[in-house]
N, C-alpha and C. Protein backbone atom coordinates (compact mmCIF):
# COMPACT_ATOMS: atom_id res chain seq x y z
N MET A 1 86.98 155.46 70.57
CA MET A 1 86.08 154.94 71.50
C MET A 1 86.71 153.56 71.49
N LEU A 2 87.09 152.77 73.17
CA LEU A 2 87.79 151.19 72.79
C LEU A 2 86.31 150.43 72.40
N PRO A 3 87.14 149.75 71.99
CA PRO A 3 86.60 148.72 71.33
C PRO A 3 86.15 147.97 72.72
N ALA A 4 84.91 146.89 72.55
CA ALA A 4 84.18 146.43 73.66
C ALA A 4 85.27 144.89 74.40
N ARG A 5 86.03 144.61 73.19
CA ARG A 5 87.38 143.26 73.32
C ARG A 5 88.72 143.84 74.81
N PHE A 6 88.66 144.85 74.46
CA PHE A 6 89.64 145.38 75.65
C PHE A 6 88.45 145.81 76.91
N TYR A 7 87.63 146.10 77.30
CA TYR A 7 86.68 146.28 78.09
C TYR A 7 86.72 144.47 78.96
N LEU A 8 87.05 144.22 77.89
CA LEU A 8 86.27 142.56 78.54
C LEU A 8 87.52 142.25 78.90
N TYR A 9 89.19 142.03 78.20
CA TYR A 9 90.10 141.61 78.75
C TYR A 9 91.09 142.46 80.14
N ALA A 10 90.28 143.69 80.10
CA ALA A 10 90.74 144.00 81.40
C ALA A 10 89.84 144.04 82.46
N SER A 11 88.63 143.15 82.36
CA SER A 11 87.92 143.23 83.48
C SER A 11 88.26 141.40 83.63
N LEU A 12 88.54 141.02 82.77
CA LEU A 12 89.23 139.58 83.14
C LEU A 12 90.67 139.63 83.96
N LEU A 13 91.26 140.65 83.28
CA LEU A 13 92.66 140.56 84.06
C LEU A 13 92.31 141.24 84.89
N LEU A 14 91.86 142.21 85.60
CA LEU A 14 90.83 142.21 86.77
C LEU A 14 90.27 141.61 87.94
N LEU A 15 89.49 140.80 87.37
CA LEU A 15 89.25 139.58 88.16
C LEU A 15 90.45 138.92 88.57
N THR A 16 90.82 137.97 87.70
CA THR A 16 92.34 137.29 88.45
C THR A 16 93.20 137.59 88.69
N GLN A 17 93.67 139.02 89.05
CA GLN A 17 94.18 139.33 89.87
C GLN A 17 94.17 139.71 91.35
N CYS A 18 92.20 139.73 91.53
CA CYS A 18 91.58 140.20 92.61
C CYS A 18 91.34 138.30 93.47
N SER A 19 91.37 137.40 92.71
CA SER A 19 91.15 136.31 93.48
C SER A 19 92.50 135.82 93.65
N LYS A 20 93.91 136.38 93.25
CA LYS A 20 94.98 135.98 93.42
C LYS A 20 94.57 136.68 95.77
N CYS A 21 94.30 137.70 95.73
CA CYS A 21 94.63 138.33 96.77
C CYS A 21 93.71 137.35 98.23
N LYS A 22 93.26 136.84 97.61
CA LYS A 22 92.21 135.80 98.44
C LYS A 22 92.87 135.00 98.94
N GLN A 23 94.43 134.44 98.57
CA GLN A 23 94.84 133.07 98.75
C GLN A 23 94.52 132.71 100.15
N GLY A 24 95.32 133.69 101.06
CA GLY A 24 95.88 133.73 102.72
C GLY A 24 94.29 134.90 103.56
N ASP A 25 93.49 133.97 103.87
CA ASP A 25 92.37 134.33 104.95
C ASP A 25 93.15 135.40 105.61
N PRO A 26 93.06 136.96 105.61
CA PRO A 26 93.59 137.61 107.02
C PRO A 26 92.77 137.44 107.92
N PHE A 27 91.74 136.31 108.57
CA PHE A 27 91.68 136.41 109.84
C PHE A 27 91.64 134.54 109.88
N PRO A 28 92.82 134.29 110.62
CA PRO A 28 93.47 132.98 110.75
C PRO A 28 92.46 132.44 111.48
N LYS A 29 91.57 133.17 112.54
CA LYS A 29 90.54 132.95 114.24
C LYS A 29 89.82 131.67 112.95
N ASN A 30 89.55 132.53 111.68
CA ASN A 30 88.36 132.27 110.78
C ASN A 30 88.51 130.58 110.24
N GLN A 31 89.75 129.83 110.54
CA GLN A 31 90.13 128.77 110.02
C GLN A 31 90.01 128.17 111.09
N LEU A 32 90.16 127.91 112.25
CA LEU A 32 90.14 127.11 113.43
C LEU A 32 88.92 126.71 113.12
N PRO A 33 89.05 125.18 113.89
CA PRO A 33 87.94 124.11 113.43
C PRO A 33 86.97 124.77 115.08
N TRP A 34 86.22 124.58 114.71
CA TRP A 34 84.82 124.53 116.13
C TRP A 34 85.50 124.37 117.18
N ALA A 35 85.18 124.29 118.12
CA ALA A 35 85.59 123.83 119.74
C ALA A 35 84.03 122.70 119.95
N THR A 36 84.75 121.60 119.42
CA THR A 36 82.98 120.88 119.76
C THR A 36 83.60 119.90 121.14
N GLN A 37 82.72 119.23 121.46
CA GLN A 37 83.15 118.28 122.74
C GLN A 37 82.39 116.70 122.09
N THR A 38 83.17 116.01 121.33
CA THR A 38 82.08 114.94 121.22
C THR A 38 82.75 113.75 120.77
N GLY A 39 84.49 113.94 120.65
CA GLY A 39 85.54 112.94 120.36
C GLY A 39 85.53 113.42 118.36
N ALA A 40 85.36 114.43 117.88
CA ALA A 40 86.11 114.24 116.47
C ALA A 40 87.66 114.42 116.39
N ASN A 41 88.24 113.89 116.55
CA ASN A 41 89.79 114.32 116.37
C ASN A 41 89.77 115.92 115.84
N THR A 42 90.06 116.55 116.47
CA THR A 42 90.40 118.53 115.95
C THR A 42 91.09 118.42 117.19
N PHE A 43 92.28 119.92 116.12
CA PHE A 43 92.84 120.53 116.97
C PHE A 43 93.28 121.72 115.89
N GLY A 44 93.55 122.75 117.27
CA GLY A 44 93.93 124.28 116.18
C GLY A 44 94.13 125.30 116.63
N CYS A 45 95.20 126.09 116.48
CA CYS A 45 95.31 127.51 117.42
C CYS A 45 96.07 128.59 116.87
N LEU A 46 96.55 129.32 117.42
CA LEU A 46 97.01 130.32 116.63
C LEU A 46 98.03 130.66 117.57
N VAL A 47 99.68 129.90 116.46
CA VAL A 47 101.09 130.54 116.93
C VAL A 47 101.43 131.87 116.69
N ASN A 48 101.10 133.12 117.19
CA ASN A 48 102.12 134.40 116.90
C ASN A 48 101.09 134.90 116.29
N GLY A 49 99.85 134.53 116.16
CA GLY A 49 98.66 135.18 115.59
C GLY A 49 98.43 133.63 114.38
N GLN A 50 99.39 133.66 113.68
CA GLN A 50 99.79 132.55 112.50
C GLN A 50 98.67 131.19 112.88
N LEU A 51 97.95 130.73 111.77
CA LEU A 51 97.11 129.56 112.14
C LEU A 51 98.53 128.29 112.16
N TYR A 52 97.84 127.33 113.05
CA TYR A 52 98.82 126.55 113.41
C TYR A 52 97.14 124.87 112.88
N LEU A 53 97.56 124.06 112.68
CA LEU A 53 96.79 122.91 112.91
C LEU A 53 97.62 121.93 112.30
N PRO A 54 97.53 120.71 112.75
CA PRO A 54 98.24 119.60 112.45
C PRO A 54 98.46 119.26 110.97
N GLN A 55 99.24 118.76 110.25
CA GLN A 55 99.35 118.56 108.55
C GLN A 55 100.46 117.53 108.16
N GLY A 56 100.29 116.80 107.50
CA GLY A 56 101.65 116.02 106.98
C GLY A 56 101.47 114.94 107.60
N ASN A 57 103.33 113.95 107.09
CA ASN A 57 103.08 112.96 107.79
C ASN A 57 104.44 112.07 107.64
N VAL A 58 104.76 112.47 109.04
CA VAL A 58 105.89 111.71 109.25
C VAL A 58 106.18 110.39 109.98
N GLY A 59 105.31 109.76 109.34
CA GLY A 59 105.05 108.19 110.16
C GLY A 59 104.56 108.06 110.99
N SER A 60 104.11 109.07 111.87
CA SER A 60 102.99 108.93 112.83
C SER A 60 101.68 109.98 112.61
N ARG A 61 100.83 109.63 113.71
CA ARG A 61 99.79 110.51 113.49
C ARG A 61 100.11 112.06 113.77
N ASN A 62 99.36 112.93 112.83
CA ASN A 62 100.21 114.20 113.18
C ASN A 62 99.47 114.91 114.52
N PHE A 63 98.33 114.52 114.92
CA PHE A 63 98.01 113.85 116.02
C PHE A 63 97.75 113.79 117.34
N ASN A 64 97.90 113.65 118.68
CA ASN A 64 97.34 112.57 119.82
C ASN A 64 97.39 112.97 120.64
N VAL A 65 96.15 112.47 121.51
CA VAL A 65 95.99 113.16 122.60
C VAL A 65 96.02 111.40 123.44
N SER A 66 96.49 111.62 125.20
CA SER A 66 96.97 110.31 125.46
C SER A 66 96.39 111.07 127.01
N TYR A 67 95.67 110.03 127.48
CA TYR A 67 95.04 110.39 128.76
C TYR A 67 96.12 108.88 130.21
N ASP A 68 96.75 109.57 131.51
CA ASP A 68 97.05 108.23 132.32
C ASP A 68 96.45 108.73 133.13
N PRO A 69 95.59 108.08 133.75
CA PRO A 69 95.19 107.98 135.03
C PRO A 69 95.96 108.10 136.32
N THR A 70 97.09 107.50 136.11
CA THR A 70 98.37 106.28 137.46
C THR A 70 99.22 107.57 137.35
N PHE A 71 99.40 108.54 136.17
CA PHE A 71 101.05 109.56 135.91
C PHE A 71 100.36 110.67 137.02
N ARG A 72 100.98 111.28 137.65
CA ARG A 72 101.00 112.81 138.70
C ARG A 72 99.92 113.11 138.59
N GLY A 73 98.95 112.00 138.95
CA GLY A 73 97.47 112.94 139.39
C GLY A 73 96.90 112.79 138.31
N GLY A 74 97.17 112.31 137.15
CA GLY A 74 96.59 112.12 136.01
C GLY A 74 96.87 113.15 134.86
N ALA A 75 97.75 112.58 133.86
CA ALA A 75 98.47 113.22 133.19
C ALA A 75 97.90 113.48 131.67
N VAL A 76 97.42 114.59 130.86
CA VAL A 76 97.30 114.66 129.52
C VAL A 76 98.20 115.05 128.64
N VAL A 77 98.40 114.50 127.98
CA VAL A 77 99.65 114.43 126.64
C VAL A 77 98.89 115.09 125.28
N ILE A 78 99.04 116.51 124.98
CA ILE A 78 98.52 116.68 123.36
C ILE A 78 99.68 116.63 122.92
N GLU A 79 99.93 115.93 121.38
CA GLU A 79 101.32 116.23 120.50
C GLU A 79 100.51 116.62 119.16
N THR A 80 101.19 117.43 118.58
CA THR A 80 101.08 117.53 117.38
C THR A 80 102.35 117.79 116.13
N TYR A 81 102.44 117.83 114.95
CA TYR A 81 102.91 118.50 113.69
C TYR A 81 102.45 118.57 112.71
N ARG A 82 103.26 119.90 112.06
CA ARG A 82 102.85 120.16 110.59
C ARG A 82 104.36 120.16 110.25
N VAL A 83 103.54 119.63 108.96
CA VAL A 83 104.99 119.57 108.28
C VAL A 83 104.39 120.34 107.05
N GLU A 84 105.06 121.55 106.37
CA GLU A 84 105.31 122.23 105.06
C GLU A 84 106.19 122.87 104.64
N ASN A 85 106.64 122.80 103.34
CA ASN A 85 107.09 123.52 102.70
C ASN A 85 108.85 123.24 103.00
N ASN A 86 109.14 121.73 103.58
CA ASN A 86 110.58 121.85 103.82
C ASN A 86 110.67 122.03 105.14
N ARG A 87 109.66 122.62 106.29
CA ARG A 87 109.71 123.01 107.79
C ARG A 87 108.59 121.61 108.60
N THR A 88 109.28 121.48 109.66
CA THR A 88 108.58 121.10 110.67
C THR A 88 108.22 121.88 111.79
N LYS A 89 107.02 121.78 112.13
CA LYS A 89 106.61 122.23 113.49
C LYS A 89 105.49 121.46 114.17
N PHE A 90 105.95 121.35 115.55
CA PHE A 90 106.09 120.48 117.12
C PHE A 90 105.68 121.40 117.96
N LEU A 91 104.43 120.83 118.07
CA LEU A 91 103.91 122.01 119.71
C LEU A 91 103.09 120.18 120.66
N SER A 92 103.20 120.50 121.63
CA SER A 92 103.35 119.31 122.61
C SER A 92 102.89 120.19 123.96
N ILE A 93 101.45 119.51 124.45
CA ILE A 93 101.15 120.56 126.19
C ILE A 93 100.99 118.98 126.94
N ASP A 94 101.64 118.97 127.84
CA ASP A 94 101.56 118.18 128.69
C ASP A 94 101.19 118.29 129.91
N ALA A 95 99.70 118.37 130.36
CA ALA A 95 99.67 119.21 131.15
C ALA A 95 98.97 117.93 132.86
N ALA A 96 99.05 118.30 133.86
CA ALA A 96 98.82 117.42 135.29
C ALA A 96 98.58 117.87 136.49
N PRO A 97 98.37 117.83 137.53
CA PRO A 97 97.26 116.83 137.40
C PRO A 97 95.67 117.00 136.54
N ILE A 98 94.92 116.50 136.08
CA ILE A 98 93.91 116.68 135.35
C ILE A 98 92.80 115.61 135.67
N THR A 99 91.95 115.81 136.48
CA THR A 99 91.02 114.72 137.16
C THR A 99 89.68 115.20 136.65
N ALA A 100 89.32 116.10 136.49
CA ALA A 100 87.86 116.69 135.95
C ALA A 100 87.96 117.68 134.96
N ILE A 101 86.29 118.56 134.57
CA ILE A 101 86.45 119.49 133.72
C ILE A 101 86.49 120.42 134.71
N GLY A 102 87.20 121.59 134.30
CA GLY A 102 87.63 122.92 135.05
C GLY A 102 88.83 123.47 134.38
N SER A 103 89.39 124.42 135.15
CA SER A 103 90.64 124.86 134.43
C SER A 103 91.59 124.88 135.01
N TYR A 104 92.75 124.58 134.48
CA TYR A 104 94.36 124.06 135.04
C TYR A 104 95.09 125.06 134.77
N SER A 105 95.92 125.55 135.56
CA SER A 105 97.39 126.23 135.14
C SER A 105 98.39 125.72 134.38
N LEU A 106 98.65 126.38 133.02
CA LEU A 106 99.89 125.76 132.81
C LEU A 106 101.37 126.75 133.03
N ASP A 107 101.01 127.40 134.29
CA ASP A 107 101.86 128.45 134.33
C ASP A 107 103.49 127.78 135.04
N LEU A 108 104.58 128.05 134.44
CA LEU A 108 105.96 127.63 134.78
C LEU A 108 106.00 127.43 136.54
N GLN A 109 105.90 128.08 136.96
CA GLN A 109 105.47 128.11 138.62
C GLN A 109 104.79 126.90 139.24
N GLN A 110 103.28 127.64 138.70
CA GLN A 110 102.21 126.31 139.01
C GLN A 110 101.86 125.09 138.63
N GLY A 111 101.78 125.22 137.68
CA GLY A 111 101.29 124.13 136.78
C GLY A 111 102.32 122.62 136.98
N VAL A 112 102.03 121.58 136.55
CA VAL A 112 102.99 120.82 136.60
C VAL A 112 102.79 120.18 135.05
N GLY A 113 104.00 120.30 134.16
CA GLY A 113 103.95 119.47 132.59
C GLY A 113 104.74 120.31 132.27
N GLU A 114 104.58 120.57 130.59
CA GLU A 114 105.54 121.24 129.94
C GLU A 114 105.12 121.38 128.01
N VAL A 115 105.26 122.57 127.95
CA VAL A 115 104.60 122.88 126.53
C VAL A 115 105.99 122.97 126.18
N LEU A 116 106.01 122.26 124.93
CA LEU A 116 107.41 122.06 123.80
C LEU A 116 106.94 122.19 122.64
N TYR A 117 108.34 123.48 121.83
CA TYR A 117 107.05 124.07 120.47
C TYR A 117 108.81 123.90 119.85
N THR A 118 108.55 123.44 118.36
CA THR A 118 110.01 123.68 117.73
C THR A 118 109.44 124.16 116.33
N ASP A 119 110.17 124.72 115.42
CA ASP A 119 109.93 125.57 113.98
C ASP A 119 111.09 125.15 113.20
N THR A 120 111.80 123.82 112.54
CA THR A 120 112.76 123.86 112.16
C THR A 120 112.49 123.17 110.47
N ASP A 121 113.83 123.76 109.75
CA ASP A 121 114.23 123.16 108.59
C ASP A 121 114.96 121.96 108.51
N GLY A 122 115.19 121.51 109.61
CA GLY A 122 116.11 120.19 109.61
C GLY A 122 117.43 120.92 110.76
N GLN A 123 117.64 122.37 110.50
CA GLN A 123 118.48 123.11 111.66
C GLN A 123 118.16 123.38 112.68
N LEU A 124 118.44 122.98 114.04
CA LEU A 124 118.17 123.62 114.95
C LEU A 124 119.05 124.90 115.22
N SER A 125 118.23 126.07 116.01
CA SER A 125 118.86 127.37 116.33
C SER A 125 118.69 127.51 117.80
N PRO A 126 119.30 128.14 118.54
CA PRO A 126 118.86 128.34 119.74
C PRO A 126 117.31 128.46 119.91
N CYS A 127 116.80 129.18 119.31
CA CYS A 127 115.54 130.29 119.27
C CYS A 127 114.60 129.53 118.29
N SER A 128 114.73 128.37 117.84
CA SER A 128 114.10 127.65 116.84
C SER A 128 113.08 126.35 117.69
N ALA A 129 113.33 126.00 118.91
CA ALA A 129 113.72 125.07 119.54
C ALA A 129 112.99 125.81 121.03
N MET A 130 111.93 125.26 121.92
CA MET A 130 111.75 125.89 123.50
C MET A 130 111.13 124.58 124.18
N TYR A 131 112.22 123.92 124.69
CA TYR A 131 111.77 122.87 125.63
C TYR A 131 111.71 123.36 127.45
N ASP A 132 110.29 123.50 127.54
CA ASP A 132 110.45 124.99 128.59
C ASP A 132 110.66 124.62 130.00
N SER A 133 110.60 123.23 130.45
CA SER A 133 111.39 122.37 131.62
C SER A 133 112.73 122.54 131.52
N ARG A 134 113.39 122.65 130.55
CA ARG A 134 114.83 122.63 130.92
C ARG A 134 115.52 124.34 130.40
N ASP A 135 115.01 124.80 129.04
CA ASP A 135 115.35 126.40 129.47
C ASP A 135 114.55 127.20 128.84
N VAL A 136 113.42 127.37 128.81
CA VAL A 136 112.62 128.39 129.09
C VAL A 136 112.07 129.66 130.78
N SER A 137 112.42 130.43 130.63
CA SER A 137 112.24 131.10 131.81
C SER A 137 111.11 132.25 131.83
N TYR A 138 109.87 131.71 131.55
CA TYR A 138 108.89 131.81 131.27
C TYR A 138 107.54 131.29 130.51
N ARG A 139 106.81 130.80 131.81
CA ARG A 139 105.46 130.26 131.16
C ARG A 139 104.25 130.72 131.98
N LYS A 140 103.28 131.05 131.31
CA LYS A 140 101.71 131.39 131.87
C LYS A 140 100.70 130.89 130.94
N GLY A 141 100.01 130.47 131.34
CA GLY A 141 98.63 129.99 130.48
C GLY A 141 97.90 129.22 131.14
N ARG A 142 96.24 128.94 130.66
CA ARG A 142 95.11 128.27 131.15
C ARG A 142 94.83 127.11 130.66
N MET A 143 94.52 126.03 130.44
CA MET A 143 94.19 124.79 129.80
C MET A 143 92.65 124.60 130.25
N ASN A 144 91.61 124.59 129.62
CA ASN A 144 90.06 124.79 130.34
C ASN A 144 89.69 123.54 129.45
N ILE A 145 89.51 122.30 130.63
CA ILE A 145 88.69 121.48 129.79
C ILE A 145 87.57 121.19 130.06
N THR A 146 87.00 121.03 128.79
CA THR A 146 85.35 121.18 128.73
C THR A 146 84.50 120.04 128.58
N ARG A 147 85.22 119.19 128.82
CA ARG A 147 84.68 117.66 128.52
C ARG A 147 85.58 116.69 128.84
N PHE A 148 85.10 116.03 129.83
CA PHE A 148 86.17 115.05 130.63
C PHE A 148 85.50 113.76 130.68
N ASP A 149 85.11 112.46 129.62
CA ASP A 149 84.94 111.28 129.83
C ASP A 149 85.22 109.84 129.67
N GLN A 150 85.70 109.44 131.11
CA GLN A 150 86.94 108.28 130.84
C GLN A 150 86.01 107.29 130.67
N GLN A 151 84.49 106.88 130.38
CA GLN A 151 83.81 106.65 129.92
C GLN A 151 84.09 106.07 128.66
N ALA A 152 83.76 107.30 128.04
CA ALA A 152 84.01 107.38 126.20
C ALA A 152 85.20 107.90 125.71
N ARG A 153 85.65 107.82 126.53
CA ARG A 153 87.11 108.38 125.99
C ARG A 153 87.34 109.31 125.76
N ILE A 154 86.88 110.68 125.88
CA ILE A 154 86.50 111.78 125.17
C ILE A 154 87.11 112.77 126.44
N ILE A 155 88.15 113.43 125.22
CA ILE A 155 89.02 114.85 126.14
C ILE A 155 88.86 115.89 125.27
N SER A 156 87.80 117.39 125.60
CA SER A 156 88.10 117.96 125.00
C SER A 156 88.18 119.26 125.69
N GLY A 157 88.96 120.65 125.42
CA GLY A 157 89.15 121.52 125.66
C GLY A 157 89.67 122.93 125.15
N THR A 158 89.76 124.14 125.91
CA THR A 158 90.32 125.27 125.29
C THR A 158 92.16 125.54 125.85
N PHE A 159 92.92 126.47 125.49
CA PHE A 159 93.90 126.48 125.78
C PHE A 159 94.73 127.77 125.36
N ASP A 160 95.35 128.78 126.19
CA ASP A 160 96.46 129.23 125.91
C ASP A 160 97.53 129.73 126.26
N VAL A 161 98.24 130.36 126.14
CA VAL A 161 100.13 129.96 126.99
C VAL A 161 101.16 130.42 126.06
N THR A 162 101.68 131.65 126.67
CA THR A 162 102.61 132.19 126.39
C THR A 162 103.66 131.63 127.38
N ILE A 163 104.66 131.42 126.12
CA ILE A 163 106.38 130.89 126.87
C ILE A 163 107.65 132.04 126.29
N GLY A 164 108.40 132.21 126.90
CA GLY A 164 109.42 132.86 126.78
C GLY A 164 111.12 132.22 127.22
N ARG A 165 111.51 132.93 126.48
CA ARG A 165 113.46 132.17 126.81
C ARG A 165 113.98 133.57 126.29
N THR A 166 114.90 133.53 127.27
CA THR A 166 115.66 134.86 127.01
C THR A 166 116.36 134.74 125.68
N GLY A 167 116.85 135.95 125.20
CA GLY A 167 117.14 136.31 123.89
C GLY A 167 116.51 135.65 122.54
N CYS A 168 115.03 135.24 122.81
CA CYS A 168 114.20 134.96 121.48
C CYS A 168 112.89 135.23 121.79
N ASP A 169 112.59 135.58 120.48
CA ASP A 169 110.55 135.98 120.47
C ASP A 169 109.87 135.44 121.68
N THR A 170 109.17 136.12 122.28
CA THR A 170 108.30 135.37 122.98
C THR A 170 107.36 134.43 122.14
N LEU A 171 106.91 133.42 122.43
CA LEU A 171 105.70 132.58 122.28
C LEU A 171 104.58 132.27 122.50
N LYS A 172 103.42 133.10 121.42
CA LYS A 172 102.49 132.76 122.29
C LYS A 172 100.99 132.13 121.55
N VAL A 173 100.40 130.83 122.11
CA VAL A 173 99.69 129.95 121.73
C VAL A 173 98.42 130.67 121.66
N THR A 174 97.55 131.22 121.06
CA THR A 174 96.78 131.77 121.26
C THR A 174 94.80 130.96 120.83
N GLN A 175 94.22 131.08 121.59
CA GLN A 175 92.82 130.71 121.05
C GLN A 175 92.73 129.10 120.55
N GLY A 176 93.41 128.49 121.26
CA GLY A 176 93.78 126.71 120.74
C GLY A 176 92.77 125.98 121.26
N ARG A 177 92.63 124.93 120.27
CA ARG A 177 91.22 124.24 121.01
C ARG A 177 91.19 122.63 120.64
N PHE A 178 90.86 122.04 121.20
CA PHE A 178 91.43 119.95 121.23
C PHE A 178 89.97 119.58 121.05
N ASP A 179 89.88 118.59 120.73
CA ASP A 179 88.55 117.61 121.18
C ASP A 179 89.28 116.14 120.68
N ALA A 180 89.21 115.10 121.54
CA ALA A 180 89.62 113.91 120.84
C ALA A 180 89.39 112.64 121.48
N ARG A 181 89.67 111.45 121.44
CA ARG A 181 89.77 110.71 122.11
C ARG A 181 90.46 109.75 122.39
N PHE A 182 91.13 109.10 123.67
CA PHE A 182 91.98 109.19 124.30
C PHE A 182 92.17 107.61 124.28
């Protein structure tokens, strides 16, 4: 018969090993911020199924939303970056004309604006940066504005967009949501 200590140590070993398995949530959607409409200064999306939240500091805010009613009939610019493990990811969505609550095209042929994405460790390669107005061959998506309050200066919404570049993997940005003051 084995001593009680053996069972105790075996149980502790098993418990510590199981806790290591929970470091990454297998459901990144569960880690996205709620889709609020209060000017909560939140942003999140999935980039090719991986959680993307603004993070880090390179001298400027890692999430910023601006609105210019005089440019292109009303331009919304959402800029974010994420710094982790010596990598910098940058995601920017520029859409116009945005004038009210509603659904707006981000399609390359229909929408006015850009979706920019980079993922680099300091070295740019042809597929680590997608500057869509210059070198993206495909872009399809929608931005849904759920609150647009120019008095309170709050804009909130959701978005999904897919962009492609010849010779590179397709970039799928899904379940995006933002809520900010501009």
